[in-house]
N, C-alpha and C. Protein backbone atom coordinates (compact mmCIF):
# COMPACT_ATOMS: atom_id res chain seq x y z
N MET A 1 -1.86 -14.42 13.98
CA MET A 1 -1.23 -13.28 13.35
C MET A 1 -2.21 -12.67 12.35
N ALA A 2 -2.38 -11.38 12.41
CA ALA A 2 -3.35 -10.69 11.57
C ALA A 2 -2.81 -10.41 10.17
N TYR A 3 -1.51 -10.45 9.98
CA TYR A 3 -0.93 -10.17 8.67
C TYR A 3 0.38 -10.94 8.54
N ASP A 4 0.87 -11.06 7.32
CA ASP A 4 2.10 -11.80 7.05
C ASP A 4 3.31 -10.93 7.42
N GLU A 5 4.07 -11.39 8.39
CA GLU A 5 5.24 -10.63 8.85
C GLU A 5 6.28 -10.45 7.74
N GLY A 6 6.39 -11.45 6.87
CA GLY A 6 7.34 -11.36 5.76
C GLY A 6 6.96 -10.24 4.79
N SER A 7 5.67 -10.15 4.48
CA SER A 7 5.21 -9.08 3.60
C SER A 7 5.41 -7.71 4.25
N ALA A 8 5.18 -7.64 5.56
CA ALA A 8 5.40 -6.39 6.28
C ALA A 8 6.87 -5.98 6.22
N GLN A 9 7.77 -6.94 6.34
CA GLN A 9 9.19 -6.62 6.30
C GLN A 9 9.62 -6.18 4.90
N ILE A 10 9.05 -6.81 3.87
CA ILE A 10 9.34 -6.41 2.49
C ILE A 10 8.94 -4.96 2.28
N MET A 11 7.74 -4.58 2.75
CA MET A 11 7.28 -3.20 2.61
C MET A 11 8.19 -2.26 3.40
N ALA A 12 8.53 -2.63 4.63
CA ALA A 12 9.40 -1.79 5.45
C ALA A 12 10.75 -1.59 4.78
N ASP A 13 11.31 -2.65 4.22
CA ASP A 13 12.59 -2.55 3.54
C ASP A 13 12.50 -1.65 2.30
N ALA A 14 11.38 -1.75 1.58
CA ALA A 14 11.20 -0.94 0.37
C ALA A 14 11.12 0.55 0.71
N LEU A 15 10.70 0.87 1.93
CA LEU A 15 10.53 2.26 2.35
C LEU A 15 11.65 2.76 3.26
N ALA A 16 12.66 1.93 3.49
CA ALA A 16 13.71 2.24 4.46
C ALA A 16 14.45 3.54 4.15
N GLU A 17 14.60 3.90 2.90
CA GLU A 17 15.33 5.11 2.52
C GLU A 17 14.43 6.33 2.32
N THR A 18 13.14 6.17 2.60
CA THR A 18 12.17 7.24 2.38
C THR A 18 11.97 8.02 3.67
N ASP A 19 12.22 9.32 3.65
CA ASP A 19 12.01 10.16 4.82
C ASP A 19 10.52 10.31 5.12
N GLY A 20 10.18 10.43 6.40
CA GLY A 20 8.82 10.69 6.81
C GLY A 20 7.93 9.47 6.97
N ILE A 21 8.52 8.28 6.96
CA ILE A 21 7.75 7.04 7.07
C ILE A 21 7.60 6.64 8.54
N SER A 22 6.38 6.27 8.90
CA SER A 22 6.11 5.69 10.22
C SER A 22 5.19 4.50 10.02
N GLN A 23 5.07 3.70 11.07
CA GLN A 23 4.21 2.52 11.01
C GLN A 23 3.14 2.63 12.09
N LYS A 24 1.97 2.08 11.78
CA LYS A 24 0.88 2.11 12.74
C LYS A 24 0.00 0.88 12.52
N LYS A 25 -0.32 0.19 13.59
CA LYS A 25 -1.24 -0.94 13.48
C LYS A 25 -2.65 -0.39 13.33
N MET A 26 -3.29 -0.79 12.22
CA MET A 26 -4.64 -0.32 11.89
C MET A 26 -5.38 -1.43 11.16
N PHE A 27 -6.69 -1.48 11.35
CA PHE A 27 -7.56 -2.37 10.58
C PHE A 27 -7.12 -3.83 10.65
N GLY A 28 -6.53 -4.25 11.76
CA GLY A 28 -6.07 -5.62 11.90
C GLY A 28 -4.80 -5.90 11.12
N GLY A 29 -4.15 -4.86 10.65
CA GLY A 29 -2.92 -5.02 9.88
C GLY A 29 -1.90 -3.99 10.30
N LEU A 30 -0.95 -3.75 9.44
CA LEU A 30 0.10 -2.77 9.69
C LEU A 30 0.12 -1.80 8.52
N CYS A 31 -0.04 -0.50 8.83
CA CYS A 31 -0.01 0.53 7.79
C CYS A 31 1.29 1.31 7.86
N PHE A 32 1.74 1.74 6.71
CA PHE A 32 2.89 2.61 6.59
C PHE A 32 2.37 3.98 6.21
N LEU A 33 2.83 4.99 6.92
CA LEU A 33 2.36 6.35 6.70
C LEU A 33 3.52 7.22 6.22
N LEU A 34 3.21 8.15 5.34
CA LEU A 34 4.17 9.14 4.86
C LEU A 34 3.72 10.48 5.40
N ASN A 35 4.51 11.07 6.26
CA ASN A 35 4.16 12.35 6.88
C ASN A 35 2.77 12.31 7.52
N GLY A 36 2.42 11.16 8.10
CA GLY A 36 1.16 11.01 8.80
C GLY A 36 -0.02 10.57 7.95
N ASN A 37 0.17 10.45 6.64
CA ASN A 37 -0.90 10.01 5.73
C ASN A 37 -0.69 8.56 5.32
N MET A 38 -1.76 7.78 5.32
CA MET A 38 -1.67 6.37 4.95
C MET A 38 -1.13 6.24 3.52
N LEU A 39 -0.11 5.39 3.38
CA LEU A 39 0.56 5.16 2.10
C LEU A 39 0.26 3.76 1.57
N CYS A 40 0.51 2.77 2.42
CA CYS A 40 0.34 1.38 2.04
C CYS A 40 0.25 0.55 3.30
N GLY A 41 0.02 -0.73 3.15
CA GLY A 41 -0.04 -1.57 4.33
C GLY A 41 -0.21 -3.03 3.99
N VAL A 42 -0.21 -3.83 5.02
CA VAL A 42 -0.42 -5.27 4.90
C VAL A 42 -1.57 -5.66 5.82
N HIS A 43 -2.32 -6.67 5.39
CA HIS A 43 -3.41 -7.22 6.19
C HIS A 43 -3.44 -8.72 5.99
N LYS A 44 -4.40 -9.40 6.58
CA LYS A 44 -4.38 -10.86 6.58
C LYS A 44 -4.48 -11.48 5.20
N ASP A 45 -5.01 -10.77 4.22
CA ASP A 45 -5.17 -11.34 2.89
C ASP A 45 -4.21 -10.75 1.85
N GLY A 46 -3.21 -10.01 2.27
CA GLY A 46 -2.26 -9.41 1.34
C GLY A 46 -1.89 -8.01 1.77
N GLY A 47 -2.11 -7.05 0.89
CA GLY A 47 -1.74 -5.68 1.21
C GLY A 47 -2.57 -4.69 0.43
N MET A 48 -2.24 -3.41 0.62
CA MET A 48 -2.96 -2.34 -0.08
C MET A 48 -2.03 -1.17 -0.32
N PHE A 49 -2.38 -0.39 -1.34
CA PHE A 49 -1.65 0.83 -1.68
C PHE A 49 -2.67 1.94 -1.89
N ARG A 50 -2.37 3.12 -1.36
CA ARG A 50 -3.21 4.30 -1.56
C ARG A 50 -2.62 5.08 -2.73
N VAL A 51 -3.17 4.86 -3.90
CA VAL A 51 -2.60 5.44 -5.12
C VAL A 51 -3.32 6.70 -5.58
N GLY A 52 -4.49 6.98 -5.04
CA GLY A 52 -5.29 8.13 -5.48
C GLY A 52 -6.12 7.77 -6.70
N LYS A 53 -7.23 8.46 -6.85
CA LYS A 53 -8.15 8.14 -7.94
C LYS A 53 -7.53 8.35 -9.33
N ALA A 54 -6.68 9.35 -9.47
CA ALA A 54 -6.06 9.61 -10.78
C ALA A 54 -5.10 8.49 -11.19
N ASN A 55 -4.52 7.78 -10.23
CA ASN A 55 -3.56 6.70 -10.51
C ASN A 55 -4.19 5.32 -10.45
N GLU A 56 -5.48 5.26 -10.14
CA GLU A 56 -6.13 3.96 -9.92
C GLU A 56 -6.09 3.06 -11.15
N GLU A 57 -6.36 3.60 -12.33
CA GLU A 57 -6.35 2.78 -13.55
C GLU A 57 -4.96 2.19 -13.80
N ALA A 58 -3.92 3.00 -13.63
CA ALA A 58 -2.55 2.50 -13.81
C ALA A 58 -2.24 1.42 -12.79
N ALA A 59 -2.68 1.62 -11.56
CA ALA A 59 -2.42 0.64 -10.50
C ALA A 59 -3.13 -0.68 -10.79
N LEU A 60 -4.35 -0.60 -11.28
CA LEU A 60 -5.12 -1.82 -11.55
C LEU A 60 -4.58 -2.59 -12.75
N SER A 61 -3.73 -1.96 -13.55
CA SER A 61 -3.10 -2.67 -14.67
C SER A 61 -1.93 -3.54 -14.21
N VAL A 62 -1.49 -3.37 -12.97
CA VAL A 62 -0.41 -4.19 -12.42
C VAL A 62 -0.97 -5.55 -12.03
N GLU A 63 -0.31 -6.61 -12.48
CA GLU A 63 -0.78 -7.96 -12.16
C GLU A 63 -0.84 -8.14 -10.65
N GLY A 64 -1.94 -8.69 -10.18
CA GLY A 64 -2.11 -8.95 -8.74
C GLY A 64 -2.85 -7.85 -8.01
N ALA A 65 -3.11 -6.71 -8.68
CA ALA A 65 -3.82 -5.60 -8.04
C ALA A 65 -5.30 -5.65 -8.42
N ARG A 66 -6.15 -5.29 -7.48
CA ARG A 66 -7.59 -5.24 -7.70
C ARG A 66 -8.17 -4.12 -6.84
N PRO A 67 -9.38 -3.68 -7.13
CA PRO A 67 -9.97 -2.63 -6.30
C PRO A 67 -10.06 -3.06 -4.84
N LEU A 68 -9.76 -2.17 -3.94
CA LEU A 68 -9.84 -2.47 -2.51
C LEU A 68 -11.29 -2.49 -2.10
N GLY A 69 -11.71 -3.58 -1.51
CA GLY A 69 -13.10 -3.69 -1.11
C GLY A 69 -13.30 -4.58 0.10
N PHE A 70 -12.30 -4.68 0.98
CA PHE A 70 -12.44 -5.59 2.12
C PHE A 70 -13.48 -5.10 3.12
N THR A 71 -13.97 -3.88 2.98
CA THR A 71 -15.02 -3.37 3.85
C THR A 71 -16.40 -3.73 3.30
N GLY A 72 -16.44 -4.36 2.13
CA GLY A 72 -17.70 -4.70 1.51
C GLY A 72 -18.09 -3.77 0.39
N ARG A 73 -17.38 -2.66 0.26
CA ARG A 73 -17.63 -1.75 -0.86
C ARG A 73 -16.28 -1.22 -1.35
N LYS A 74 -16.26 -0.88 -2.64
CA LYS A 74 -15.03 -0.40 -3.26
C LYS A 74 -14.61 0.94 -2.64
N MET A 75 -13.32 1.07 -2.37
CA MET A 75 -12.77 2.31 -1.84
C MET A 75 -11.93 2.95 -2.94
N GLY A 76 -12.42 4.04 -3.51
CA GLY A 76 -11.74 4.71 -4.62
C GLY A 76 -10.34 5.17 -4.24
N GLY A 77 -9.42 5.03 -5.17
CA GLY A 77 -8.05 5.47 -4.96
C GLY A 77 -7.19 4.49 -4.19
N MET A 78 -7.76 3.34 -3.87
CA MET A 78 -7.03 2.32 -3.11
C MET A 78 -7.07 1.02 -3.91
N VAL A 79 -5.96 0.30 -3.90
CA VAL A 79 -5.92 -1.02 -4.52
C VAL A 79 -5.43 -2.04 -3.52
N GLU A 80 -5.93 -3.23 -3.68
CA GLU A 80 -5.55 -4.36 -2.84
C GLU A 80 -4.64 -5.27 -3.66
N VAL A 81 -3.67 -5.89 -3.02
CA VAL A 81 -2.74 -6.77 -3.71
C VAL A 81 -2.55 -8.06 -2.93
N THR A 82 -2.08 -9.07 -3.63
CA THR A 82 -1.77 -10.35 -3.01
C THR A 82 -0.37 -10.29 -2.38
N ASP A 83 -0.09 -11.25 -1.52
CA ASP A 83 1.26 -11.35 -0.96
C ASP A 83 2.28 -11.58 -2.07
N ALA A 84 1.90 -12.31 -3.12
CA ALA A 84 2.81 -12.56 -4.25
C ALA A 84 3.15 -11.25 -4.95
N CYS A 85 2.21 -10.34 -5.06
CA CYS A 85 2.46 -9.03 -5.67
C CYS A 85 3.43 -8.22 -4.80
N ILE A 86 3.27 -8.29 -3.51
CA ILE A 86 4.19 -7.59 -2.59
C ILE A 86 5.60 -8.15 -2.74
N ALA A 87 5.71 -9.44 -2.91
CA ALA A 87 7.02 -10.10 -3.02
C ALA A 87 7.70 -9.83 -4.36
N ASP A 88 6.93 -9.50 -5.39
CA ASP A 88 7.49 -9.24 -6.72
C ASP A 88 8.06 -7.82 -6.75
N ASP A 89 9.37 -7.70 -6.91
CA ASP A 89 10.04 -6.40 -6.85
C ASP A 89 9.48 -5.39 -7.85
N ASP A 90 9.23 -5.81 -9.08
CA ASP A 90 8.76 -4.89 -10.11
C ASP A 90 7.32 -4.43 -9.85
N GLN A 91 6.45 -5.38 -9.52
CA GLN A 91 5.05 -5.02 -9.25
C GLN A 91 4.95 -4.11 -8.03
N ARG A 92 5.64 -4.48 -6.96
CA ARG A 92 5.60 -3.67 -5.74
C ARG A 92 6.17 -2.29 -6.00
N ALA A 93 7.28 -2.20 -6.72
CA ALA A 93 7.91 -0.90 -6.99
C ALA A 93 6.99 0.00 -7.80
N GLU A 94 6.30 -0.55 -8.78
CA GLU A 94 5.40 0.26 -9.60
C GLU A 94 4.25 0.82 -8.75
N LEU A 95 3.65 -0.04 -7.93
CA LEU A 95 2.55 0.40 -7.07
C LEU A 95 3.03 1.36 -5.98
N MET A 96 4.20 1.09 -5.45
CA MET A 96 4.75 1.96 -4.40
C MET A 96 5.01 3.36 -4.96
N GLN A 97 5.51 3.45 -6.17
CA GLN A 97 5.79 4.75 -6.77
C GLN A 97 4.49 5.53 -7.00
N LEU A 98 3.46 4.85 -7.47
CA LEU A 98 2.17 5.50 -7.65
C LEU A 98 1.64 6.02 -6.31
N ALA A 99 1.78 5.21 -5.28
CA ALA A 99 1.31 5.61 -3.94
C ALA A 99 2.15 6.77 -3.40
N LEU A 100 3.46 6.70 -3.55
CA LEU A 100 4.33 7.78 -3.07
C LEU A 100 4.02 9.09 -3.80
N ASP A 101 3.81 9.02 -5.10
CA ASP A 101 3.49 10.22 -5.87
C ASP A 101 2.21 10.87 -5.36
N PHE A 102 1.20 10.05 -5.08
CA PHE A 102 -0.07 10.60 -4.61
C PHE A 102 0.04 11.12 -3.17
N VAL A 103 0.52 10.30 -2.27
CA VAL A 103 0.52 10.68 -0.85
C VAL A 103 1.48 11.83 -0.58
N ALA A 104 2.57 11.94 -1.33
CA ALA A 104 3.49 13.09 -1.15
C ALA A 104 2.82 14.41 -1.49
N SER A 105 1.75 14.35 -2.29
CA SER A 105 1.04 15.59 -2.65
C SER A 105 0.07 16.07 -1.57
N LEU A 106 -0.14 15.25 -0.56
CA LEU A 106 -1.08 15.60 0.51
C LEU A 106 -0.38 16.41 1.59
N PRO A 107 -1.12 17.28 2.30
CA PRO A 107 -0.50 18.02 3.40
C PRO A 107 -0.15 17.06 4.54
N ALA A 108 0.97 17.31 5.20
CA ALA A 108 1.39 16.49 6.33
C ALA A 108 0.39 16.61 7.46
N LYS A 109 0.25 15.54 8.22
CA LYS A 109 -0.64 15.56 9.38
C LYS A 109 0.18 15.71 10.65
């Protein structure tokens, strides 16, 4: 299994009431898209949120979040999280809101 199914279900449940959400297998994991734009996802080592560069500092202040760098270099505007962070309702909700605020500002694909 390339990612934790439980973490994927937690993310799916957190987005269940959000219009415009779709899922797509990408990068060996599962990504959630808002109107066709990557929002968040899960992978073998935890998950990620696309918060945008303006929200990155706030996102990194959440316990369990760190700069996304699984490609070998830091990807601006993206944070990586542990499975424990995904499971924590408060931490996940804070990061999800930052990601939703940013991705909702993008044009639909």
